[in-house]
Amino acid sequence: MIMRAFVPAILFIHFFISAAYPSAAKIPRVGLLRVDSPPRKPVDDFRHGLRDLGYVEGQNLLLDMRWAESRLDRLAKLASELVHLKSDVIVTHGPQGVRTVKAATTTIPIVIGRIDDVDVHGFVKDLARPGGNITGLSFQTGELTGKCLELLKEIIPKISKVAVLWDATGTADQLKAMEAAGNVLTVKLQTIKVRTTADFDRAFETAAKAQANAMIVLGSPFLTFNVAPLAKLSAKHRLPAIYTNTNFAEAGGLMAYGPDESDPGWGWKRAAVFVDKILKGAKPADLPIEQPTRFDLVINLKTAKQIGLTIPPNVLARADKVVR
């Protein structure tokens, strides 16, 4: 009789604990797909953001990371792995990463750590109400690319031809915005497509032969991963160059104008907030796409001196950071 009474009591206690503490039955699983190679600061920022929100890897969160090591042909396989692990959320970045994960799942929430023109790519219906299973952080490139051309025009008033380095796997919206700005500022543009790092030398040689006065590097994850070699080539060819990622100027490029990477409301640390909201029940369709609100102008004076260029005082005074 005692055993018969005891067994239902145990079952009742088990049911009560499971109901009161459902998280004890399943630890949330977050997949992270990077297009580049480890280690990367964005991943450290993302982990920091998770820790700030109370997540401890291995205790109340499982984090599965996959790295494509800049080989786009590996993305589909890696995305499939994260889907088969039954991730509760998958975090990725760039058009290539998002496109691949989107093709792998229509049900698992996808958080974008960073992308350009998310709506132009067709990944969301609207920035305010994305719809579907995708949300995260995006910056709109139209205004940025136009500003880059304006800055080049200010430091080189007689500029007449600008080479535009474009990752052919990225969005064409930046190119359209660039062409519109070129018409307004009466600057002739020469678009040079690149797909791999093997195209870089040819691209700069093409710009030099065309007698381009400067170069604008349009945004893409692939080009961002390679800011150092791009900066080195621009210096080698004595070609003033500007990019929308501030790491470019810090790596030796002449100038950069883009989102403030230290802004807590932007970037991979902020992506952790999206993950937290989704794990707590929010739907990605209802989480507005967030955009940067602060932009930095970084000028590398050392590079300017190396290529024989004087930065006008009025432009230098507006710089948020000067590399000397």
Protein backbone atom coordinates (compact mmCIF):
# COMPACT_ATOMS: atom_id res chain seq x y z
CA MET A 1 0.00 0.00 0.00
CA ILE A 2 2.84 2.38 0.87
CA MET A 3 4.55 1.77 -2.52
CA ARG A 4 1.27 2.27 -4.41
CA ALA A 5 0.78 5.65 -2.70
CA PHE A 6 4.44 6.59 -3.15
CA VAL A 7 4.61 6.10 -6.94
CA PRO A 8 1.78 8.58 -7.75
CA ALA A 9 3.45 11.05 -5.38
CA ILE A 10 6.72 10.81 -7.30
CA LEU A 11 4.90 11.27 -10.60
CA PHE A 12 3.11 14.31 -9.20
CA ILE A 13 6.39 15.88 -8.03
CA HIS A 14 8.02 15.21 -11.44
CA PHE A 15 5.06 16.80 -13.23
CA PHE A 16 5.14 19.81 -10.90
CA ILE A 17 8.88 20.41 -11.42
CA SER A 18 8.59 20.06 -15.22
CA ALA A 19 5.70 22.51 -15.31
CA ALA A 20 7.34 25.03 -13.00
CA TYR A 21 10.80 24.84 -14.61
CA PRO A 22 10.37 24.00 -18.31
CA SER A 23 13.83 25.40 -19.12
CA ALA A 24 15.33 22.58 -17.05
CA ALA A 25 14.10 20.11 -19.66
CA LYS A 26 15.72 21.82 -22.65
CA ILE A 27 18.68 24.17 -22.92
CA PRO A 28 18.23 26.69 -25.76
CA ARG A 29 20.47 26.02 -28.75
CA VAL A 30 21.83 28.90 -30.84
CA GLY A 31 23.58 28.32 -34.15
CA LEU A 32 26.14 30.82 -35.42
CA LEU A 33 27.19 30.79 -39.08
CA ARG A 34 30.10 33.03 -40.09
CA VAL A 35 31.22 33.49 -43.67
CA ASP A 36 34.80 34.23 -42.61
CA SER A 37 37.47 32.48 -40.51
CA PRO A 38 38.05 32.46 -36.73
CA PRO A 39 38.90 34.29 -34.61
CA ARG A 40 36.76 37.38 -35.20
CA LYS A 41 35.89 40.28 -32.91
CA PRO A 42 32.18 40.15 -33.88
CA VAL A 43 31.90 36.71 -32.29
CA ASP A 44 33.51 37.99 -29.09
CA ASP A 45 31.03 40.89 -29.08
CA PHE A 46 28.13 38.49 -29.58
CA ARG A 47 29.26 36.27 -26.71
CA HIS A 48 29.74 39.34 -24.52
CA GLY A 49 26.19 40.42 -25.31
CA LEU A 50 24.86 36.99 -24.35
CA ARG A 51 26.76 37.05 -21.06
CA ASP A 52 25.37 40.50 -20.25
CA LEU A 53 21.90 39.01 -20.65
CA GLY A 54 22.63 36.18 -18.22
CA TYR A 55 23.49 33.38 -20.63
CA VAL A 56 26.32 31.02 -19.75
CA GLU A 57 27.49 28.67 -22.50
CA GLY A 58 27.10 25.05 -21.52
CA GLN A 59 24.78 25.88 -18.61
CA ASN A 60 21.71 27.71 -19.88
CA LEU A 61 22.72 28.09 -23.54
CA LEU A 62 24.38 25.93 -26.19
CA LEU A 63 26.27 27.80 -28.91
CA ASP A 64 27.15 25.90 -32.08
CA MET A 65 29.56 27.79 -34.35
CA ARG A 66 30.30 27.13 -37.99
CA TRP A 67 32.93 28.97 -40.09
CA ALA A 68 32.92 28.97 -43.91
CA GLU A 69 36.48 30.38 -43.97
CA SER A 70 35.51 32.67 -46.89
CA ARG A 71 34.52 29.66 -49.03
CA LEU A 72 30.98 30.38 -50.14
CA ASP A 73 30.58 26.85 -51.46
CA ARG A 74 30.70 25.57 -47.86
CA LEU A 75 27.81 27.70 -46.59
CA ALA A 76 24.96 25.39 -47.61
CA LYS A 77 26.46 22.38 -45.83
CA LEU A 78 27.18 24.36 -42.66
CA ALA A 79 23.69 25.88 -42.60
CA SER A 80 22.20 22.41 -43.01
CA GLU A 81 24.22 21.19 -40.04
CA LEU A 82 22.81 23.94 -37.82
CA VAL A 83 19.27 23.16 -38.97
CA HIS A 84 19.71 19.44 -38.22
CA LEU A 85 21.00 20.30 -34.75
CA LYS A 86 17.50 21.77 -34.20
CA SER A 87 18.78 25.23 -33.35
CA ASP A 88 16.25 27.48 -31.66
CA VAL A 89 17.81 30.49 -33.41
CA ILE A 90 20.44 30.79 -36.13
CA VAL A 91 22.60 33.92 -36.25
CA THR A 92 24.47 34.88 -39.42
CA HIS A 93 25.52 37.91 -41.46
CA GLY A 94 25.90 39.31 -44.96
CA PRO A 95 23.75 38.53 -47.99
CA GLN A 96 25.50 35.22 -48.64
CA GLY A 97 25.02 33.95 -45.10
CA VAL A 98 21.40 35.07 -44.80
CA ARG A 99 20.46 33.76 -48.23
CA THR A 100 21.91 30.35 -47.44
CA VAL A 101 20.25 29.98 -44.05
CA LYS A 102 16.94 31.26 -45.46
CA ALA A 103 17.10 28.52 -48.09
CA ALA A 104 17.81 25.92 -45.39
CA THR A 105 14.87 26.77 -43.12
CA THR A 106 11.62 28.71 -43.20
CA THR A 107 10.73 27.99 -39.58
CA ILE A 108 13.83 28.51 -37.41
CA PRO A 109 14.22 32.21 -36.49
CA ILE A 110 17.18 33.89 -38.20
CA VAL A 111 18.97 36.86 -36.60
CA ILE A 112 21.22 39.01 -38.77
CA GLY A 113 24.32 40.32 -37.02
CA ARG A 114 25.05 42.74 -39.84
CA ILE A 115 23.99 43.22 -43.44
CA ASP A 116 23.57 45.95 -46.02
CA ASP A 117 20.15 46.78 -47.49
CA VAL A 118 18.26 43.83 -46.03
CA ASP A 119 15.02 44.92 -47.69
CA VAL A 120 16.61 45.41 -51.10
CA HIS A 121 17.92 41.86 -50.94
CA GLY A 122 14.31 40.76 -50.44
CA PHE A 123 14.93 39.08 -47.07
CA VAL A 124 12.22 41.09 -45.27
CA LYS A 125 8.98 42.70 -46.37
CA ASP A 126 9.44 45.88 -44.36
CA LEU A 127 12.02 47.24 -41.92
CA ALA A 128 9.38 47.98 -39.28
CA ARG A 129 7.59 44.63 -39.62
CA PRO A 130 9.92 42.14 -41.30
CA GLY A 131 7.44 39.27 -41.61
CA GLY A 132 8.72 35.72 -42.05
CA ASN A 133 11.48 34.29 -39.86
CA ILE A 134 14.21 36.93 -40.31
CA THR A 135 15.14 40.01 -38.26
CA GLY A 136 18.27 41.73 -36.99
CA LEU A 137 20.54 44.62 -37.95
CA SER A 138 21.00 46.31 -41.31
CA PHE A 139 22.45 49.53 -42.66
CA GLN A 140 21.15 51.22 -45.80
CA THR A 141 24.02 51.92 -48.17
CA GLY A 142 22.53 54.59 -50.43
CA GLU A 143 23.31 57.54 -48.19
CA LEU A 144 26.70 56.13 -47.20
CA THR A 145 28.01 55.62 -50.73
CA GLY A 146 26.90 59.09 -51.77
CA LYS A 147 28.65 60.56 -48.74
CA CYS A 148 31.85 58.68 -49.63
CA LEU A 149 31.90 60.26 -53.07
CA GLU A 150 31.25 63.70 -51.56
CA LEU A 151 34.22 63.26 -49.22
CA LEU A 152 36.51 62.29 -52.09
CA LYS A 153 35.32 65.35 -53.99
CA GLU A 154 36.15 67.54 -51.01
CA ILE A 155 39.71 66.31 -50.62
CA ILE A 156 40.34 66.14 -54.39
CA PRO A 157 38.23 68.98 -55.87
CA LYS A 158 39.38 68.30 -59.45
CA ILE A 159 38.42 64.64 -59.27
CA SER A 160 36.90 63.45 -62.57
CA LYS A 161 37.03 59.65 -62.55
CA VAL A 162 36.49 57.25 -59.65
CA ALA A 163 36.92 53.48 -59.72
CA VAL A 164 34.16 51.62 -57.87
CA LEU A 165 35.20 48.26 -56.44
CA TRP A 166 32.12 46.07 -56.27
CA ASP A 167 31.69 42.55 -54.90
CA ALA A 168 29.60 41.02 -57.65
CA THR A 169 27.94 38.64 -55.17
CA GLY A 170 26.53 41.56 -53.15
CA THR A 171 23.67 44.00 -53.67
CA ALA A 172 23.33 46.20 -56.72
CA ASP A 173 21.56 48.89 -54.68
CA GLN A 174 24.86 50.42 -53.60
CA LEU A 175 25.87 50.63 -57.24
CA LYS A 176 22.65 52.42 -58.19
CA ALA A 177 23.11 54.91 -55.35
CA MET A 178 26.71 55.44 -56.41
CA GLU A 179 25.70 56.11 -60.01
CA ALA A 180 23.09 58.64 -58.88
CA ALA A 181 25.68 60.46 -56.73
CA GLY A 182 28.15 60.43 -59.62
CA ASN A 183 25.61 62.17 -61.85
CA VAL A 184 24.96 64.87 -59.25
CA LEU A 185 28.66 65.50 -58.59
CA THR A 186 29.62 65.16 -62.28
CA VAL A 187 32.11 62.39 -61.59
CA LYS A 188 32.63 59.55 -64.05
CA LEU A 189 32.50 56.12 -62.44
CA GLN A 190 34.19 52.93 -63.53
CA THR A 191 32.74 49.81 -61.93
CA ILE A 192 35.21 46.98 -61.37
CA LYS A 193 33.73 43.65 -60.28
CA VAL A 194 35.59 41.26 -57.99
CA ARG A 195 34.61 37.81 -56.77
CA THR A 196 37.75 36.45 -55.12
CA THR A 197 40.99 37.83 -53.69
CA ALA A 198 42.67 36.73 -56.92
CA ASP A 199 40.80 39.61 -58.62
CA PHE A 200 42.31 42.34 -56.42
CA ASP A 201 45.58 42.96 -58.29
CA ARG A 202 43.76 43.08 -61.61
CA ALA A 203 41.17 45.49 -60.19
CA PHE A 204 43.77 48.03 -59.08
CA GLU A 205 45.74 47.67 -62.30
CA THR A 206 42.51 48.32 -64.23
CA ALA A 207 41.85 51.44 -62.15
CA ALA A 208 45.40 52.67 -62.73
CA LYS A 209 45.24 52.12 -66.49
CA ALA A 210 41.92 53.98 -66.62
CA GLN A 211 43.64 56.88 -64.80
CA ALA A 212 41.10 56.88 -61.98
CA ASN A 213 41.72 59.68 -59.46
CA ALA A 214 40.39 57.64 -56.53
CA MET A 215 38.53 54.49 -55.53
CA ILE A 216 35.40 53.72 -53.57
CA VAL A 217 35.06 50.22 -52.11
CA LEU A 218 31.41 49.21 -51.84
CA GLY A 219 30.33 47.27 -48.77
CA SER A 220 30.29 43.48 -48.59
CA PRO A 221 31.38 40.86 -46.03
CA PHE A 222 33.94 39.51 -48.48
CA LEU A 223 35.60 42.91 -48.97
CA THR A 224 35.42 43.69 -45.26
CA PHE A 225 37.33 40.50 -44.47
CA ASN A 226 40.05 41.75 -46.80
CA VAL A 227 40.45 45.38 -45.74
CA ALA A 228 44.17 44.93 -45.05
CA PRO A 229 45.19 43.72 -48.54
CA LEU A 230 42.87 46.29 -50.16
CA ALA A 231 44.43 49.09 -48.11
CA LYS A 232 47.91 47.86 -49.03
CA LEU A 233 47.08 47.82 -52.74
CA SER A 234 45.58 51.33 -52.65
CA ALA A 235 48.79 52.61 -51.07
CA LYS A 236 50.94 50.70 -53.57
CA HIS A 237 49.09 52.30 -56.49
CA ARG A 238 48.97 55.69 -54.71
CA LEU A 239 45.22 55.62 -55.16
CA PRO A 240 43.11 57.51 -52.57
CA ALA A 241 40.45 55.06 -51.41
CA ILE A 242 37.44 55.17 -49.10
CA TYR A 243 35.26 52.41 -47.65
CA THR A 244 32.11 52.18 -45.54
CA ASN A 245 33.84 50.09 -42.86
CA THR A 246 36.02 52.03 -40.42
CA ASN A 247 38.50 49.15 -40.13
CA PHE A 248 39.64 50.02 -43.64
CA ALA A 249 41.25 53.32 -42.63
CA GLU A 250 42.73 51.76 -39.52
CA ALA A 251 44.27 49.03 -41.69
CA GLY A 252 46.01 51.60 -43.90
CA GLY A 253 43.31 52.82 -46.27
CA LEU A 254 43.00 56.58 -46.70
CA MET A 255 39.48 57.11 -45.37
CA ALA A 256 36.41 55.32 -44.10
CA TYR A 257 32.90 56.51 -43.37
CA GLY A 258 30.48 54.06 -41.82
CA PRO A 259 28.60 52.84 -38.74
CA ASP A 260 30.30 53.49 -35.40
CA GLU A 261 31.53 50.02 -34.44
CA SER A 262 31.62 50.99 -30.75
CA ASP A 263 27.93 51.93 -30.71
CA PRO A 264 26.20 49.56 -28.22
CA GLY A 265 22.99 49.90 -30.22
CA TRP A 266 24.60 48.44 -33.31
CA GLY A 267 26.49 45.31 -34.27
CA TRP A 268 26.96 41.81 -32.96
CA LYS A 269 26.56 42.63 -29.29
CA ARG A 270 23.13 44.01 -30.14
CA ALA A 271 22.34 40.80 -32.07
CA ALA A 272 22.38 38.99 -28.72
CA VAL A 273 19.39 41.11 -27.66
CA PHE A 274 17.40 39.79 -30.63
CA VAL A 275 18.33 36.22 -29.70
CA ASP A 276 17.23 36.81 -26.11
CA LYS A 277 13.86 38.22 -27.18
CA ILE A 278 13.20 35.29 -29.51
CA LEU A 279 14.17 32.70 -26.88
CA LYS A 280 11.67 34.40 -24.57
CA GLY A 281 8.86 34.04 -27.10
CA ALA A 282 9.07 37.01 -29.48
CA LYS A 283 8.50 36.33 -33.18
CA PRO A 284 11.11 37.60 -35.64
CA ALA A 285 8.30 38.79 -37.90
CA ASP A 286 7.34 41.34 -35.24
CA LEU A 287 10.86 42.54 -34.31
CA PRO A 288 11.78 45.65 -36.36
CA ILE A 289 15.07 45.70 -38.24
CA GLU A 290 17.43 48.01 -36.35
CA GLN A 291 19.81 50.42 -38.06
CA PRO A 292 22.91 52.31 -36.87
CA THR A 293 22.37 55.85 -35.64
CA ARG A 294 26.00 56.92 -35.30
CA PHE A 295 28.55 57.11 -38.12
CA ASP A 296 32.28 57.71 -37.93
CA LEU A 297 34.67 59.40 -40.32
CA VAL A 298 38.17 57.96 -39.95
CA ILE A 299 41.14 59.48 -41.79
CA ASN A 300 44.58 57.94 -42.03
CA LEU A 301 47.07 60.83 -42.22
CA LYS A 302 50.00 58.46 -42.48
CA THR A 303 48.53 57.04 -45.68
CA ALA A 304 47.71 60.52 -46.99
CA LYS A 305 51.36 61.51 -46.60
CA GLN A 306 52.51 58.27 -48.21
CA ILE A 307 50.48 58.89 -51.37
CA GLY A 308 51.27 62.61 -51.43
CA LEU A 309 47.83 63.92 -50.55
CA THR A 310 46.95 66.83 -48.28
CA ILE A 311 43.67 66.55 -46.37
CA PRO A 312 41.88 69.94 -46.23
CA PRO A 313 41.58 71.30 -42.66
CA ASN A 314 37.77 71.50 -42.86
CA VAL A 315 37.56 67.76 -43.65
CA LEU A 316 40.15 66.84 -41.04
CA ALA A 317 38.21 68.80 -38.41
CA ARG A 318 35.15 66.63 -39.01
CA ALA A 319 37.02 63.37 -38.49
CA ASP A 320 35.93 61.28 -35.50
CA LYS A 321 39.30 59.53 -35.51
CA VAL A 322 42.63 60.37 -37.12
CA VAL A 323 45.27 57.68 -37.63
CA ARG A 324 48.73 59.29 -37.52
